[in-house]
């Protein structure tokens, strides 16, 4: 069979580097069966085309064949809980289709105990549960491991796997941001003992999370982790003042890294305003928050 793969985000974003795990598993599964796999080209004929779209704001490709097998939360007409067949999901990813990817990616847990209104995970994956052991995910040609778990600290299996990674020689990144409300002193000690690719990431999406995030930063500090090694995701809702309070509370930690994302969920008709985008893309991403308040920025 001749297989074509379509990464909607790669198709749309010129500099997109993060790999699509589902497509890598599909590629490996088909190659194991002797099939020819390549990136989809609209000028060629394929026996089967797979298209994956992560974000619902990524444009549709009008040239995809009608019989393309589509998946991912970006396709609004597909059930949000659709998954790969077990035999494909259990396949080791084919990293050769993303040659610039120098790390392993995967999940140790799936699901989440929270039910945040802006998040698709509870509907897509359900309650948190064990999924993989770290030895099943790592690569032998790199010491980097990027984990995409949505709330790894809420699962005993996740904590056990993180503890097992201590002393393994692998450097990790939990790229979705951990839940600081679940960081006890023991957890802070565990995180401080691990090897990180760069940052230790947390989320602070509402002002109610300010206190646990601050406590976590200070707990990590007692174990030698400086604020410049901490990265905080900030959700920017229409209530800009909520985000302002979070920024002002967190920027007191010298060197801390803040990254804002304007709330967007086109499935629910939620589109960010110009002010939300300005706050996220210019005030935070541009680094102005380090020098001035949001009010000072607006008067500038």
Protein backbone atom coordinates (compact mmCIF):
# COMPACT_ATOMS: atom_id res chain seq x y z
CA UNK A 1 0.00 0.00 0.00
CA UNK A 2 1.01 3.59 -0.64
CA UNK A 3 0.23 5.70 2.46
CA UNK A 4 0.04 9.51 2.61
CA UNK A 5 0.30 11.38 5.94
CA UNK A 6 -1.06 14.90 6.47
CA UNK A 7 -0.09 16.99 9.51
CA UNK A 8 -2.53 19.91 9.36
CA UNK A 9 -0.45 22.12 11.65
CA UNK A 10 2.76 21.36 9.73
CA UNK A 11 0.87 22.13 6.54
CA UNK A 12 -0.24 25.50 7.94
CA UNK A 13 2.70 26.61 10.12
CA UNK A 14 5.97 27.10 8.25
CA UNK A 15 8.15 26.66 11.33
CA UNK A 16 6.17 23.98 13.17
CA UNK A 17 8.66 21.57 14.72
CA UNK A 18 6.71 19.60 17.34
CA UNK A 19 5.89 16.15 15.97
CA UNK A 20 2.47 14.55 15.70
CA UNK A 21 2.53 11.38 17.80
CA UNK A 22 -0.49 9.76 16.13
CA UNK A 23 1.01 10.12 12.65
CA UNK A 24 4.36 8.75 13.84
CA UNK A 25 2.63 5.64 15.23
CA UNK A 26 0.61 5.19 12.03
CA UNK A 27 3.79 5.51 9.97
CA UNK A 28 5.60 2.88 12.05
CA UNK A 29 2.62 0.50 11.99
CA UNK A 30 2.32 0.64 8.18
CA UNK A 31 6.07 0.35 7.59
CA UNK A 32 6.13 -2.79 9.76
CA UNK A 33 3.67 -4.26 7.25
CA UNK A 34 5.81 -3.34 4.25
CA UNK A 35 3.79 -0.31 3.16
CA UNK A 36 5.35 2.79 1.59
CA UNK A 37 4.74 5.85 3.77
CA UNK A 38 5.38 9.49 2.85
CA UNK A 39 4.00 12.95 3.47
CA UNK A 40 0.79 13.46 1.53
CA UNK A 41 1.13 15.33 -1.76
CA UNK A 42 -2.13 16.46 -3.41
CA UNK A 43 -0.69 15.66 -6.84
CA UNK A 44 -0.21 11.96 -6.05
CA UNK A 45 -2.62 9.09 -5.64
CA UNK A 46 -2.51 7.09 -2.40
CA UNK A 47 -4.21 3.91 -1.31
CA UNK A 48 -4.89 5.58 2.04
CA UNK A 49 -4.47 9.10 3.45
CA UNK A 50 -4.39 9.96 7.16
CA UNK A 51 -4.90 13.55 8.31
CA UNK A 52 -4.38 14.75 11.88
CA UNK A 53 -5.44 18.19 13.12
CA UNK A 54 -4.80 19.25 16.73
CA UNK A 55 -6.31 22.77 16.82
CA UNK A 56 -9.77 23.64 15.60
CA UNK A 57 -8.55 27.04 14.37
CA UNK A 58 -6.08 25.42 11.95
CA UNK A 59 -7.54 25.89 8.44
CA UNK A 60 -8.97 22.92 6.56
CA UNK A 61 -7.02 21.74 3.54
CA UNK A 62 -9.47 21.82 0.61
CA UNK A 63 -7.43 19.33 -1.42
CA UNK A 64 -7.61 16.42 1.01
CA UNK A 65 -9.42 13.47 -0.59
CA UNK A 66 -12.94 12.86 0.67
CA UNK A 67 -12.02 9.40 1.89
CA UNK A 68 -9.06 10.62 4.00
CA UNK A 69 -9.06 9.10 7.49
CA UNK A 70 -9.13 12.12 9.78
CA UNK A 71 -8.43 12.39 13.49
CA UNK A 72 -7.57 14.86 16.23
CA UNK A 73 -9.41 17.44 18.31
CA UNK A 74 -9.06 19.97 15.48
CA UNK A 75 -11.75 18.25 13.42
CA UNK A 76 -15.01 19.40 14.95
CA UNK A 77 -17.18 16.91 13.07
CA UNK A 78 -15.32 13.91 14.55
CA UNK A 79 -16.15 12.53 18.03
CA UNK A 80 -13.72 14.18 20.42
CA UNK A 81 -12.93 10.86 22.14
CA UNK A 82 -11.91 9.05 18.95
CA UNK A 83 -8.62 7.19 19.45
CA UNK A 84 -6.16 5.11 17.45
CA UNK A 85 -6.81 1.35 17.29
CA UNK A 86 -4.99 -0.40 20.14
CA UNK A 87 -2.59 -2.21 17.81
CA UNK A 88 -1.50 1.13 16.34
CA UNK A 89 -1.39 2.94 19.67
CA UNK A 90 0.92 0.25 21.06
CA UNK A 91 3.42 0.78 18.21
CA UNK A 92 6.71 2.61 18.81
CA UNK A 93 6.65 5.97 16.97
CA UNK A 94 8.53 6.47 13.68
CA UNK A 95 10.75 9.48 14.43
CA UNK A 96 12.26 9.44 10.93
CA UNK A 97 9.34 11.43 9.53
CA UNK A 98 10.31 14.34 11.81
CA UNK A 99 14.11 14.36 11.38
CA UNK A 100 14.57 17.52 13.47
CA UNK A 101 13.01 15.89 16.53
CA UNK A 102 15.89 14.98 18.84
CA UNK A 103 13.78 13.79 21.80
CA UNK A 104 11.29 11.06 22.63
CA UNK A 105 7.65 12.03 23.23
CA UNK A 106 4.74 10.28 24.88
CA UNK A 107 2.45 9.93 27.86
CA UNK A 108 2.79 8.09 31.16
CA UNK A 109 -0.83 8.83 32.14
CA UNK A 110 -3.97 9.82 30.26
CA UNK A 111 -6.92 11.85 31.46
CA UNK A 112 -7.36 14.36 34.26
CA UNK A 113 -9.11 14.78 37.63
CA UNK A 114 -10.06 18.39 36.88
CA UNK A 115 -12.94 19.65 34.77
CA UNK A 116 -11.76 23.06 33.57
CA UNK A 117 -14.29 24.62 31.20
CA UNK A 118 -11.62 25.51 28.62
CA UNK A 119 -10.08 22.05 28.45
CA UNK A 120 -11.07 19.16 26.13
CA UNK A 121 -9.15 16.50 28.09
CA UNK A 122 -12.02 15.28 30.36
CA UNK A 123 -14.26 14.71 27.32
CA UNK A 124 -11.46 13.30 25.19
CA UNK A 125 -9.67 11.06 27.70
CA UNK A 126 -11.87 10.80 30.80
CA UNK A 127 -10.56 10.29 34.33
CA UNK A 128 -6.84 9.98 34.91
CA UNK A 129 -5.33 6.51 34.62
CA UNK A 130 -1.96 4.77 34.08
CA UNK A 131 -0.94 4.50 30.44
CA UNK A 132 2.75 3.68 29.89
CA UNK A 133 6.04 3.08 31.71
CA UNK A 134 8.88 5.47 30.90
CA UNK A 135 11.06 2.64 29.56
CA UNK A 136 8.47 2.11 26.79
CA UNK A 137 8.77 5.70 25.58
CA UNK A 138 12.45 6.67 25.71
CA UNK A 139 14.79 6.49 22.72
CA UNK A 140 18.28 4.98 22.76
CA UNK A 141 19.74 7.75 20.59
CA UNK A 142 18.88 10.68 22.89
CA UNK A 143 18.65 11.42 26.61
CA UNK A 144 15.67 13.77 26.13
CA UNK A 145 12.11 12.77 27.00
CA UNK A 146 9.15 15.11 26.48
CA UNK A 147 6.03 14.04 28.37
CA UNK A 148 2.62 15.41 27.34
CA UNK A 149 0.63 14.24 30.39
CA UNK A 150 -2.19 16.58 31.33
CA UNK A 151 -2.05 16.10 35.12
CA UNK A 152 0.67 13.62 35.98
CA UNK A 153 0.84 14.65 39.66
CA UNK A 154 -2.76 13.53 40.20
CA UNK A 155 -1.92 9.88 39.56
CA UNK A 156 0.09 7.57 41.82
CA UNK A 157 1.41 5.81 38.71
CA UNK A 158 2.64 9.12 37.33
CA UNK A 159 4.46 10.00 40.54
CA UNK A 160 6.00 6.52 40.69
CA UNK A 161 7.25 6.84 37.10
CA UNK A 162 8.77 10.26 37.78
CA UNK A 163 10.52 8.86 40.83
CA UNK A 164 11.87 5.99 38.71
CA UNK A 165 13.30 8.50 36.23
CA UNK A 166 15.55 9.97 38.95
CA UNK A 167 19.03 8.66 38.28
CA UNK A 168 18.02 7.16 34.92
CA UNK A 169 20.19 9.59 32.97
CA UNK A 170 17.21 10.95 31.04
CA UNK A 171 16.34 14.64 30.99
CA UNK A 172 12.64 15.41 30.82
CA UNK A 173 10.16 18.14 29.99
CA UNK A 174 6.53 18.02 31.12
CA UNK A 175 5.34 20.34 28.40
CA UNK A 176 1.67 20.72 29.41
CA UNK A 177 2.38 22.36 32.74
CA UNK A 178 1.85 20.64 36.09
CA UNK A 179 -0.85 21.39 38.67
CA UNK A 180 0.80 23.29 41.52
CA UNK A 181 -2.17 22.52 43.78
CA UNK A 182 -0.85 18.96 43.97
CA UNK A 183 2.73 19.85 44.90
CA UNK A 184 3.47 18.72 48.45
CA UNK A 185 6.90 19.05 50.04
CA UNK A 186 7.67 15.47 48.97
CA UNK A 187 6.66 16.23 45.38
CA UNK A 188 8.78 19.40 45.34
CA UNK A 189 11.75 17.35 46.57
CA UNK A 190 11.12 14.79 43.81
CA UNK A 191 10.94 17.45 41.09
CA UNK A 192 14.13 19.08 42.37
CA UNK A 193 15.99 15.76 42.10
CA UNK A 194 15.02 15.16 38.49
CA UNK A 195 17.02 16.19 35.44
CA UNK A 196 15.15 18.67 33.25
CA UNK A 197 15.78 19.57 29.62
CA UNK A 198 15.27 23.21 30.53
CA UNK A 199 12.24 24.28 32.58
CA UNK A 200 9.95 22.90 35.27
CA UNK A 201 6.51 23.91 33.99
CA UNK A 202 3.29 24.75 35.83
CA UNK A 203 -0.04 26.32 34.91
CA UNK A 204 -1.65 29.30 36.59
CA UNK A 205 -4.94 29.80 34.77
CA UNK A 206 -6.98 31.63 37.42
CA UNK A 207 -6.15 33.91 40.33
CA UNK A 208 -7.23 31.09 42.69
CA UNK A 209 -4.06 29.28 41.60
CA UNK A 210 -1.71 32.12 42.57
CA UNK A 211 -1.19 30.91 46.15
CA UNK A 212 -0.38 27.26 45.28
CA UNK A 213 1.93 28.34 42.45
CA UNK A 214 3.79 30.74 44.76
CA UNK A 215 4.06 28.06 47.45
CA UNK A 216 5.43 25.63 44.85
CA UNK A 217 8.06 28.10 43.63
CA UNK A 218 9.17 28.67 47.21
CA UNK A 219 9.16 24.93 48.03
CA UNK A 220 11.33 24.24 45.00
CA UNK A 221 13.60 27.07 46.09
CA UNK A 222 14.26 25.33 49.39
CA UNK A 223 15.60 22.40 47.36
CA UNK A 224 17.84 24.58 45.22
CA UNK A 225 15.59 25.29 42.23
CA UNK A 226 15.88 28.96 41.24
CA UNK A 227 12.87 30.82 39.73
CA UNK A 228 14.61 31.14 36.33
CA UNK A 229 14.19 27.38 35.96
CA UNK A 230 10.41 27.67 36.42
CA UNK A 231 8.03 28.28 33.49
CA UNK A 232 4.40 29.29 34.06
CA UNK A 233 1.56 29.03 31.53
CA UNK A 234 -1.10 31.73 31.94
CA UNK A 235 -4.54 31.44 30.36
CA UNK A 236 -5.90 34.86 29.36
CA UNK A 237 -9.70 34.87 29.58
CA UNK A 238 -11.93 37.88 28.80
CA UNK A 239 -11.37 38.90 32.44
CA UNK A 240 -8.03 40.57 31.77
CA UNK A 241 -7.74 41.79 35.36
CA UNK A 242 -7.62 38.18 36.52
CA UNK A 243 -4.55 37.65 34.34
CA UNK A 244 -3.07 40.97 35.50
CA UNK A 245 -3.24 39.86 39.15
CA UNK A 246 -1.49 36.59 38.30
CA UNK A 247 1.30 38.36 36.43
CA UNK A 248 1.88 40.92 39.18
CA UNK A 249 2.01 38.17 41.84
CA UNK A 250 4.43 35.99 39.89
CA UNK A 251 6.84 38.48 38.36
CA UNK A 252 8.27 39.23 41.82
CA UNK A 253 10.25 35.99 41.43
CA UNK A 254 13.36 37.21 39.62
CA UNK A 255 13.96 35.45 36.33
CA UNK A 256 10.71 33.49 36.28
CA UNK A 257 9.39 32.68 32.80
CA UNK A 258 5.77 33.57 32.03
CA UNK A 259 3.95 32.53 28.87
CA UNK A 260 0.37 33.64 28.16
CA UNK A 261 -2.19 32.05 25.86
CA UNK A 262 -5.44 33.77 24.99
CA UNK A 263 -8.46 31.52 25.58
CA UNK A 264 -9.72 30.06 22.31
CA UNK A 265 -12.20 27.23 21.79
CA UNK A 266 -13.94 27.45 18.45
CA UNK A 267 -15.96 24.33 19.23
CA UNK A 268 -17.71 26.44 21.89
CA UNK A 269 -17.61 29.67 19.90
CA UNK A 270 -14.92 31.21 22.13
CA UNK A 271 -12.72 33.59 20.14
CA UNK A 272 -10.14 35.83 21.90
CA UNK A 273 -10.61 39.59 21.76
CA UNK A 274 -8.01 42.03 20.46
CA UNK A 275 -7.20 42.95 24.09
CA UNK A 276 -6.61 39.32 25.07
CA UNK A 277 -4.27 38.87 22.09
CA UNK A 278 -2.44 42.10 22.88
CA UNK A 279 -1.93 41.02 26.47
CA UNK A 280 -0.68 37.55 25.52
CA UNK A 281 1.31 38.24 22.37
CA UNK A 282 2.82 41.63 23.07
CA UNK A 283 2.68 42.45 26.76
CA UNK A 284 3.74 38.99 28.00
CA UNK A 285 5.53 37.37 25.06
CA UNK A 286 7.26 40.64 24.23
CA UNK A 287 8.57 40.90 27.80
CA UNK A 288 6.96 44.26 28.63
CA UNK A 289 5.49 42.78 31.82
CA UNK A 290 8.99 42.72 33.30
CA UNK A 291 9.29 46.53 33.05
CA UNK A 292 5.77 47.89 33.55
CA UNK A 293 2.26 47.10 34.71
CA UNK A 294 -0.54 46.40 32.24
CA UNK A 295 -2.05 49.81 32.98
CA UNK A 296 1.29 51.52 32.25
CA UNK A 297 1.60 49.49 29.05
CA UNK A 298 -1.85 50.59 27.86
CA UNK A 299 -1.03 54.28 28.48
CA UNK A 300 2.25 54.03 26.60
